[in-house]
């Protein structure tokens, strides 16, 4: 059975972050996402690979949507 496509809400819930973080990571950090009309769709296996590869770098504070100062 093929892996189902999931929504921004489901990805945010899976990662424990706000939807705004998901959208920001698509634009700024290359979060693997596929545009279907106006919607973004995802494969959780691709999301997990991206996270394990360090896609969401440590300079993000995902809970607040702000960047930490270095």
N, C-alpha and C. Protein backbone atom coordinates (compact mmCIF):
# COMPACT_ATOMS: atom_id res chain seq x y z
N UNK A 1 0.85 -1.19 0.00
CA UNK A 1 0.00 0.00 0.00
C UNK A 1 0.89 1.25 0.00
N UNK A 2 0.65 2.18 -0.92
CA UNK A 2 1.48 3.38 -0.98
C UNK A 2 1.28 4.27 0.25
N UNK A 3 2.33 5.01 0.55
CA UNK A 3 2.28 5.95 1.68
C UNK A 3 1.30 7.08 1.36
N UNK A 4 0.43 7.42 2.32
CA UNK A 4 -0.55 8.49 2.05
C UNK A 4 0.10 9.87 2.08
N UNK A 5 -0.52 10.80 1.37
CA UNK A 5 -0.14 12.20 1.44
C UNK A 5 -0.77 12.80 2.69
N UNK A 6 -0.05 13.71 3.34
CA UNK A 6 -0.57 14.36 4.55
C UNK A 6 -0.54 15.87 4.37
N UNK A 7 -1.28 16.56 5.21
CA UNK A 7 -1.44 18.02 5.13
C UNK A 7 -0.44 18.75 6.02
N UNK A 8 -0.44 20.08 5.90
CA UNK A 8 0.38 20.93 6.76
C UNK A 8 0.03 20.69 8.23
N UNK A 9 -1.26 20.60 8.53
CA UNK A 9 -1.69 20.35 9.91
C UNK A 9 -1.08 19.06 10.45
N UNK A 10 -1.12 18.01 9.64
CA UNK A 10 -0.59 16.72 10.09
C UNK A 10 0.92 16.75 10.27
N UNK A 11 1.63 17.45 9.39
CA UNK A 11 3.08 17.58 9.53
C UNK A 11 3.42 18.37 10.79
N UNK A 12 2.71 19.47 11.02
CA UNK A 12 2.95 20.27 12.23
C UNK A 12 2.72 19.43 13.48
N UNK A 13 1.66 18.65 13.49
CA UNK A 13 1.37 17.78 14.63
C UNK A 13 2.44 16.70 14.78
N UNK A 14 2.86 16.11 13.69
CA UNK A 14 3.89 15.06 13.69
C UNK A 14 5.20 15.58 14.28
N UNK A 15 5.55 16.82 13.94
CA UNK A 15 6.81 17.40 14.40
C UNK A 15 6.66 18.19 15.70
N UNK A 16 5.44 18.43 16.14
CA UNK A 16 5.22 19.19 17.37
C UNK A 16 5.55 20.66 17.24
N UNK A 17 5.27 21.23 16.06
CA UNK A 17 5.55 22.64 15.81
C UNK A 17 4.29 23.34 15.30
N UNK A 18 4.37 24.66 15.18
CA UNK A 18 3.26 25.44 14.63
C UNK A 18 3.23 25.31 13.11
N UNK A 19 2.04 25.50 12.53
CA UNK A 19 1.92 25.47 11.07
C UNK A 19 2.81 26.53 10.43
N UNK A 20 2.96 27.68 11.09
CA UNK A 20 3.82 28.74 10.55
C UNK A 20 5.25 28.24 10.38
N UNK A 21 5.72 27.40 11.29
CA UNK A 21 7.07 26.84 11.17
C UNK A 21 7.17 25.95 9.94
N UNK A 22 6.14 25.16 9.68
CA UNK A 22 6.14 24.29 8.49
C UNK A 22 6.24 25.14 7.23
N UNK A 23 5.42 26.17 7.12
CA UNK A 23 5.47 27.05 5.94
C UNK A 23 6.83 27.73 5.81
N UNK A 24 7.39 28.19 6.93
CA UNK A 24 8.69 28.85 6.90
C UNK A 24 9.77 27.88 6.44
N UNK A 25 9.72 26.64 6.93
CA UNK A 25 10.73 25.65 6.55
C UNK A 25 10.62 25.28 5.07
N UNK A 26 9.41 25.30 4.51
CA UNK A 26 9.25 25.05 3.07
C UNK A 26 10.02 26.13 2.31
N UNK A 27 9.79 27.39 2.69
CA UNK A 27 10.38 28.52 1.97
C UNK A 27 11.87 28.68 2.22
N UNK A 28 12.31 28.50 3.47
CA UNK A 28 13.68 28.87 3.83
C UNK A 28 14.63 27.71 4.01
N UNK A 29 14.13 26.52 4.29
CA UNK A 29 15.03 25.42 4.64
C UNK A 29 14.86 24.18 3.78
N UNK A 30 14.04 24.26 2.76
CA UNK A 30 13.91 23.14 1.84
C UNK A 30 13.14 21.95 2.37
N UNK A 31 12.18 22.18 3.26
CA UNK A 31 11.33 21.09 3.73
C UNK A 31 10.68 20.43 2.52
N UNK A 32 10.79 19.11 2.37
CA UNK A 32 10.23 18.45 1.19
C UNK A 32 8.70 18.55 1.17
N UNK A 33 8.19 19.27 0.19
CA UNK A 33 6.75 19.51 0.07
C UNK A 33 6.37 19.48 -1.41
N UNK A 34 5.14 19.13 -1.67
CA UNK A 34 4.63 19.02 -3.04
C UNK A 34 3.36 19.85 -3.14
N UNK A 35 3.33 20.74 -4.11
CA UNK A 35 2.18 21.62 -4.29
C UNK A 35 1.12 20.87 -5.10
N UNK A 36 -0.09 20.82 -4.57
CA UNK A 36 -1.23 20.22 -5.27
C UNK A 36 -2.31 21.29 -5.32
N UNK A 37 -2.37 22.00 -6.44
CA UNK A 37 -3.26 23.15 -6.52
C UNK A 37 -2.79 24.22 -5.55
N UNK A 38 -3.66 24.62 -4.63
CA UNK A 38 -3.30 25.62 -3.62
C UNK A 38 -2.74 24.99 -2.35
N UNK A 39 -2.79 23.68 -2.26
CA UNK A 39 -2.41 22.98 -1.03
C UNK A 39 -1.00 22.43 -1.08
N UNK A 40 -0.37 22.34 0.08
CA UNK A 40 0.90 21.65 0.22
C UNK A 40 0.61 20.25 0.74
N UNK A 41 1.25 19.25 0.15
CA UNK A 41 1.11 17.86 0.60
C UNK A 41 2.50 17.29 0.86
N UNK A 42 2.56 16.31 1.74
CA UNK A 42 3.83 15.78 2.23
C UNK A 42 3.76 14.27 2.37
N UNK A 43 4.92 13.64 2.34
CA UNK A 43 5.09 12.24 2.72
C UNK A 43 5.88 12.27 4.02
N UNK A 44 5.34 11.64 5.07
CA UNK A 44 6.01 11.69 6.37
C UNK A 44 7.40 11.05 6.31
N UNK A 45 7.60 10.07 5.44
CA UNK A 45 8.94 9.47 5.33
C UNK A 45 9.95 10.51 4.84
N UNK A 46 9.55 11.38 3.91
CA UNK A 46 10.44 12.44 3.42
C UNK A 46 10.71 13.47 4.52
N UNK A 47 9.68 13.79 5.29
CA UNK A 47 9.83 14.74 6.39
C UNK A 47 10.81 14.19 7.43
N UNK A 48 10.65 12.93 7.80
CA UNK A 48 11.53 12.31 8.79
C UNK A 48 12.98 12.27 8.30
N UNK A 49 13.19 11.95 7.02
CA UNK A 49 14.55 11.95 6.45
C UNK A 49 15.15 13.35 6.53
N UNK A 50 14.37 14.37 6.21
CA UNK A 50 14.83 15.75 6.24
C UNK A 50 15.24 16.15 7.65
N UNK A 51 14.43 15.78 8.63
CA UNK A 51 14.75 16.10 10.03
C UNK A 51 16.03 15.40 10.45
N UNK A 52 16.16 14.10 10.13
CA UNK A 52 17.36 13.35 10.52
C UNK A 52 18.62 13.89 9.85
N UNK A 53 18.46 14.50 8.68
CA UNK A 53 19.60 15.09 7.97
C UNK A 53 19.93 16.49 8.48
N UNK A 54 19.19 16.97 9.48
CA UNK A 54 19.47 18.28 10.06
C UNK A 54 18.74 19.42 9.39
N UNK A 55 17.66 19.13 8.67
CA UNK A 55 16.93 20.16 7.93
C UNK A 55 16.43 21.31 8.78
N UNK A 56 15.90 21.02 9.94
CA UNK A 56 15.43 22.07 10.85
C UNK A 56 16.57 22.38 11.79
N UNK A 57 17.40 23.32 11.39
CA UNK A 57 18.62 23.63 12.14
C UNK A 57 18.36 24.12 13.55
N UNK A 58 19.38 24.10 14.37
CA UNK A 58 19.25 24.48 15.78
C UNK A 58 19.03 25.98 16.00
N UNK A 59 19.08 26.80 14.95
CA UNK A 59 18.88 28.24 15.13
C UNK A 59 17.41 28.63 15.11
N UNK A 60 16.51 27.66 15.00
CA UNK A 60 15.08 27.94 15.02
C UNK A 60 14.49 27.62 16.38
N UNK A 61 13.58 28.46 16.83
CA UNK A 61 12.77 28.17 18.01
C UNK A 61 11.37 27.93 17.47
N UNK A 62 11.06 26.70 17.14
CA UNK A 62 9.83 26.36 16.44
C UNK A 62 8.58 26.66 17.24
N UNK A 63 8.65 26.58 18.53
CA UNK A 63 7.45 26.81 19.34
C UNK A 63 6.98 28.26 19.26
N UNK A 64 7.92 29.19 19.18
CA UNK A 64 7.54 30.60 19.15
C UNK A 64 7.63 31.20 17.76
N UNK A 65 8.28 30.49 16.83
CA UNK A 65 8.44 31.02 15.49
C UNK A 65 9.47 32.12 15.39
N UNK A 66 10.37 32.20 16.36
CA UNK A 66 11.41 33.22 16.34
C UNK A 66 12.77 32.56 16.20
N UNK A 67 13.74 33.34 15.78
CA UNK A 67 15.10 32.83 15.64
C UNK A 67 15.88 33.16 16.90
N UNK A 68 16.68 32.22 17.33
CA UNK A 68 17.53 32.44 18.50
C UNK A 68 18.75 33.24 18.09
N UNK A 69 19.18 34.13 18.94
CA UNK A 69 20.40 34.90 18.71
C UNK A 69 21.61 34.03 18.97
N UNK A 70 22.65 34.20 18.16
CA UNK A 70 23.87 33.40 18.32
C UNK A 70 24.86 34.12 19.18
